[in-house]
Amino acid sequence: MSELDALCIKQFPYDSAVAVEAQGYILNKLSTNDWAGIRAWDGSAYRVSLWLLVKRMVDFRREEYGHNRAPLCFQKQINHIIE
């Protein structure tokens, strides 16, 4: 199992079809411009490549399900606690 497989299964453990769809989405985004982002990577920064995969996963999740935010009343309470 590749790291991409594991990441997708971890993000969507209850729906394997969505996990496979997420893999396709990520590979499609990474392959744009003839894999330019991957070709530019020299192998020295593993964290950067992992970040790129996670960013694409977040993009997929937001595109598929929208950007969930806490209700405004909770945001105000949280901001009040932080301040």
N, C-alpha and C. Protein backbone atom coordinates (compact mmCIF):
# COMPACT_ATOMS: atom_id res chain seq x y z
N MET A 1 0.85 -1.18 0.00
CA MET A 1 0.00 0.00 0.00
C MET A 1 0.90 1.24 0.00
N SER A 2 0.62 2.15 -0.91
CA SER A 2 1.41 3.38 -0.99
C SER A 2 0.97 4.37 0.08
N GLU A 3 1.78 5.39 0.30
CA GLU A 3 1.43 6.42 1.27
C GLU A 3 0.17 7.17 0.84
N LEU A 4 0.00 7.35 -0.46
CA LEU A 4 -1.20 8.00 -0.96
C LEU A 4 -2.43 7.16 -0.65
N ASP A 5 -2.33 5.85 -0.86
CA ASP A 5 -3.45 4.96 -0.52
C ASP A 5 -3.81 5.08 0.96
N ALA A 6 -2.79 5.02 1.79
CA ALA A 6 -3.01 5.08 3.24
C ALA A 6 -3.63 6.41 3.65
N LEU A 7 -3.17 7.50 3.05
CA LEU A 7 -3.70 8.82 3.37
C LEU A 7 -5.18 8.91 2.99
N CYS A 8 -5.52 8.43 1.81
CA CYS A 8 -6.91 8.50 1.35
C CYS A 8 -7.82 7.61 2.18
N ILE A 9 -7.35 6.42 2.53
CA ILE A 9 -8.16 5.52 3.35
C ILE A 9 -8.35 6.11 4.75
N LYS A 10 -7.32 6.76 5.27
CA LYS A 10 -7.44 7.37 6.59
C LYS A 10 -8.43 8.53 6.58
N GLN A 11 -8.45 9.31 5.50
CA GLN A 11 -9.35 10.45 5.41
C GLN A 11 -10.79 10.03 5.16
N PHE A 12 -10.99 8.93 4.45
CA PHE A 12 -12.33 8.45 4.11
C PHE A 12 -12.47 6.98 4.48
N PRO A 13 -12.44 6.66 5.76
CA PRO A 13 -12.42 5.25 6.16
C PRO A 13 -13.73 4.50 5.93
N TYR A 14 -14.83 5.21 5.82
CA TYR A 14 -16.13 4.55 5.71
C TYR A 14 -16.64 4.44 4.28
N ASP A 15 -15.89 4.98 3.34
CA ASP A 15 -16.35 4.94 1.94
C ASP A 15 -15.14 4.75 1.03
N SER A 16 -14.88 3.52 0.66
CA SER A 16 -13.71 3.21 -0.16
C SER A 16 -13.82 3.83 -1.56
N ALA A 17 -15.04 4.02 -2.05
CA ALA A 17 -15.22 4.64 -3.37
C ALA A 17 -14.73 6.09 -3.35
N VAL A 18 -15.03 6.80 -2.26
CA VAL A 18 -14.57 8.19 -2.14
C VAL A 18 -13.05 8.22 -1.98
N ALA A 19 -12.49 7.25 -1.27
CA ALA A 19 -11.03 7.18 -1.11
C ALA A 19 -10.35 7.01 -2.47
N VAL A 20 -10.91 6.15 -3.31
CA VAL A 20 -10.36 5.94 -4.65
C VAL A 20 -10.53 7.21 -5.50
N GLU A 21 -11.69 7.86 -5.35
CA GLU A 21 -11.92 9.11 -6.08
C GLU A 21 -10.93 10.19 -5.64
N ALA A 22 -10.62 10.23 -4.36
CA ALA A 22 -9.64 11.20 -3.85
C ALA A 22 -8.26 10.92 -4.43
N GLN A 23 -7.90 9.65 -4.54
CA GLN A 23 -6.61 9.30 -5.14
C GLN A 23 -6.54 9.79 -6.58
N GLY A 24 -7.60 9.56 -7.33
CA GLY A 24 -7.63 10.03 -8.72
C GLY A 24 -7.53 11.54 -8.82
N TYR A 25 -8.23 12.23 -7.93
CA TYR A 25 -8.19 13.70 -7.91
C TYR A 25 -6.77 14.19 -7.64
N ILE A 26 -6.13 13.61 -6.64
CA ILE A 26 -4.78 14.03 -6.28
C ILE A 26 -3.81 13.76 -7.42
N LEU A 27 -3.87 12.57 -8.00
CA LEU A 27 -2.98 12.25 -9.11
C LEU A 27 -3.23 13.15 -10.31
N ASN A 28 -4.49 13.48 -10.55
CA ASN A 28 -4.82 14.38 -11.65
C ASN A 28 -4.22 15.76 -11.43
N LYS A 29 -4.35 16.28 -10.20
CA LYS A 29 -3.79 17.60 -9.89
C LYS A 29 -2.27 17.59 -9.95
N LEU A 30 -1.65 16.52 -9.48
CA LEU A 30 -0.19 16.44 -9.50
C LEU A 30 0.35 16.29 -10.92
N SER A 31 -0.46 15.72 -11.81
CA SER A 31 0.01 15.48 -13.17
C SER A 31 -0.14 16.68 -14.10
N THR A 32 -0.75 17.77 -13.61
CA THR A 32 -0.90 18.95 -14.46
C THR A 32 0.47 19.49 -14.86
N ASN A 33 0.51 20.08 -16.02
CA ASN A 33 1.75 20.62 -16.60
C ASN A 33 2.84 19.55 -16.68
N ASP A 34 2.45 18.35 -17.08
CA ASP A 34 3.39 17.25 -17.27
C ASP A 34 4.18 16.96 -16.00
N TRP A 35 3.49 16.91 -14.87
CA TRP A 35 4.08 16.60 -13.56
C TRP A 35 5.14 17.62 -13.15
N ALA A 36 4.94 18.88 -13.49
CA ALA A 36 5.96 19.91 -13.23
C ALA A 36 6.30 20.02 -11.74
N GLY A 37 5.30 19.97 -10.88
CA GLY A 37 5.57 20.07 -9.45
C GLY A 37 6.40 18.91 -8.93
N ILE A 38 6.14 17.71 -9.46
CA ILE A 38 6.90 16.54 -9.04
C ILE A 38 8.30 16.57 -9.64
N ARG A 39 8.41 16.98 -10.89
CA ARG A 39 9.73 17.06 -11.53
C ARG A 39 10.65 18.07 -10.85
N ALA A 40 10.06 19.13 -10.33
CA ALA A 40 10.85 20.17 -9.67
C ALA A 40 11.41 19.69 -8.33
N TRP A 41 10.78 18.68 -7.74
CA TRP A 41 11.23 18.19 -6.44
C TRP A 41 12.52 17.41 -6.61
N ASP A 42 13.55 17.77 -5.84
CA ASP A 42 14.85 17.12 -5.96
C ASP A 42 15.04 15.99 -4.95
N GLY A 43 14.03 15.71 -4.16
CA GLY A 43 14.10 14.60 -3.22
C GLY A 43 14.66 14.97 -1.87
N SER A 44 15.03 16.21 -1.68
CA SER A 44 15.68 16.59 -0.42
C SER A 44 14.69 16.96 0.68
N ALA A 45 13.48 17.32 0.32
CA ALA A 45 12.53 17.79 1.31
C ALA A 45 11.30 16.88 1.32
N TYR A 46 11.37 15.81 2.08
CA TYR A 46 10.26 14.86 2.14
C TYR A 46 9.01 15.52 2.70
N ARG A 47 9.17 16.41 3.67
CA ARG A 47 8.02 17.08 4.27
C ARG A 47 7.28 17.93 3.25
N VAL A 48 7.99 18.51 2.31
CA VAL A 48 7.35 19.33 1.29
C VAL A 48 6.47 18.47 0.39
N SER A 49 6.94 17.31 0.01
CA SER A 49 6.14 16.44 -0.84
C SER A 49 4.92 15.92 -0.07
N LEU A 50 5.11 15.62 1.20
CA LEU A 50 3.98 15.19 2.01
C LEU A 50 2.96 16.31 2.16
N TRP A 51 3.44 17.53 2.35
CA TRP A 51 2.56 18.69 2.45
C TRP A 51 1.76 18.85 1.17
N LEU A 52 2.39 18.64 0.02
CA LEU A 52 1.71 18.76 -1.26
C LEU A 52 0.56 17.76 -1.36
N LEU A 53 0.78 16.53 -0.92
CA LEU A 53 -0.28 15.53 -0.94
C LEU A 53 -1.42 15.91 -0.01
N VAL A 54 -1.08 16.39 1.17
CA VAL A 54 -2.11 16.78 2.13
C VAL A 54 -2.92 17.96 1.61
N LYS A 55 -2.23 18.93 0.99
CA LYS A 55 -2.92 20.09 0.43
C LYS A 55 -3.92 19.64 -0.64
N ARG A 56 -3.52 18.73 -1.49
CA ARG A 56 -4.43 18.23 -2.52
C ARG A 56 -5.61 17.48 -1.90
N MET A 57 -5.37 16.78 -0.78
CA MET A 57 -6.45 16.09 -0.10
C MET A 57 -7.46 17.10 0.44
N VAL A 58 -6.96 18.18 1.02
CA VAL A 58 -7.85 19.23 1.53
C VAL A 58 -8.63 19.86 0.37
N ASP A 59 -7.95 20.10 -0.76
CA ASP A 59 -8.63 20.64 -1.93
C ASP A 59 -9.77 19.73 -2.37
N PHE A 60 -9.49 18.42 -2.40
CA PHE A 60 -10.52 17.46 -2.80
C PHE A 60 -11.69 17.49 -1.83
N ARG A 61 -11.39 17.45 -0.54
CA ARG A 61 -12.44 17.42 0.47
C ARG A 61 -13.32 18.67 0.38
N ARG A 62 -12.70 19.84 0.20
CA ARG A 62 -13.47 21.08 0.09
C ARG A 62 -14.28 21.13 -1.19
N GLU A 63 -13.71 20.63 -2.28
CA GLU A 63 -14.43 20.63 -3.55
C GLU A 63 -15.62 19.67 -3.50
N GLU A 64 -15.43 18.55 -2.82
CA GLU A 64 -16.47 17.52 -2.75
C GLU A 64 -17.56 17.87 -1.74
N TYR A 65 -17.16 18.38 -0.58
CA TYR A 65 -18.11 18.58 0.52
C TYR A 65 -18.29 20.03 0.96
N GLY A 66 -17.55 20.93 0.38
CA GLY A 66 -17.64 22.34 0.79
C GLY A 66 -16.70 22.64 1.95
N HIS A 67 -16.66 23.89 2.31
CA HIS A 67 -15.79 24.34 3.39
C HIS A 67 -16.63 24.53 4.64
N ASN A 68 -16.55 23.55 5.53
CA ASN A 68 -17.35 23.60 6.75
C ASN A 68 -16.73 24.58 7.74
N ARG A 69 -17.56 25.43 8.26
CA ARG A 69 -17.12 26.38 9.27
C ARG A 69 -18.06 26.28 10.46
N ALA A 70 -17.52 26.63 11.60
CA ALA A 70 -18.35 26.63 12.81
C ALA A 70 -19.40 27.73 12.69
N PRO A 71 -20.56 27.53 13.29
CA PRO A 71 -21.57 28.59 13.29
C PRO A 71 -21.01 29.87 13.91
N LEU A 72 -21.54 30.99 13.48
CA LEU A 72 -21.04 32.30 13.90
C LEU A 72 -21.06 32.46 15.42
N CYS A 73 -22.09 31.93 16.09
CA CYS A 73 -22.15 32.07 17.55
C CYS A 73 -20.98 31.36 18.22
N PHE A 74 -20.55 30.21 17.68
CA PHE A 74 -19.40 29.50 18.24
C PHE A 74 -18.10 30.24 17.93
N GLN A 75 -18.01 30.81 16.73
CA GLN A 75 -16.81 31.56 16.37
C GLN A 75 -16.61 32.73 17.32
N LYS A 76 -17.71 33.42 17.66
CA LYS A 76 -17.62 34.55 18.60
C LYS A 76 -17.18 34.08 19.99
N GLN A 77 -17.71 32.95 20.42
CA GLN A 77 -17.33 32.42 21.73
C GLN A 77 -15.85 32.03 21.76
N ILE A 78 -15.40 31.40 20.69
CA ILE A 78 -14.00 31.00 20.62
C ILE A 78 -13.10 32.21 20.59
N ASN A 79 -13.45 33.21 19.79
CA ASN A 79 -12.65 34.44 19.73
C ASN A 79 -12.61 35.13 21.09
N HIS A 80 -13.72 35.12 21.81
CA HIS A 80 -13.77 35.75 23.12
C HIS A 80 -12.85 35.01 24.10
N ILE A 81 -12.82 33.69 24.02
CA ILE A 81 -11.97 32.90 24.90
C ILE A 81 -10.50 33.13 24.57
N ILE A 82 -10.16 33.21 23.30
CA ILE A 82 -8.78 33.40 22.88
C ILE A 82 -8.27 34.77 23.30
N GLU A 83 -9.12 35.78 23.20
CA GLU A 83 -8.70 37.13 23.56
C GLU A 83 -8.62 37.22 25.05
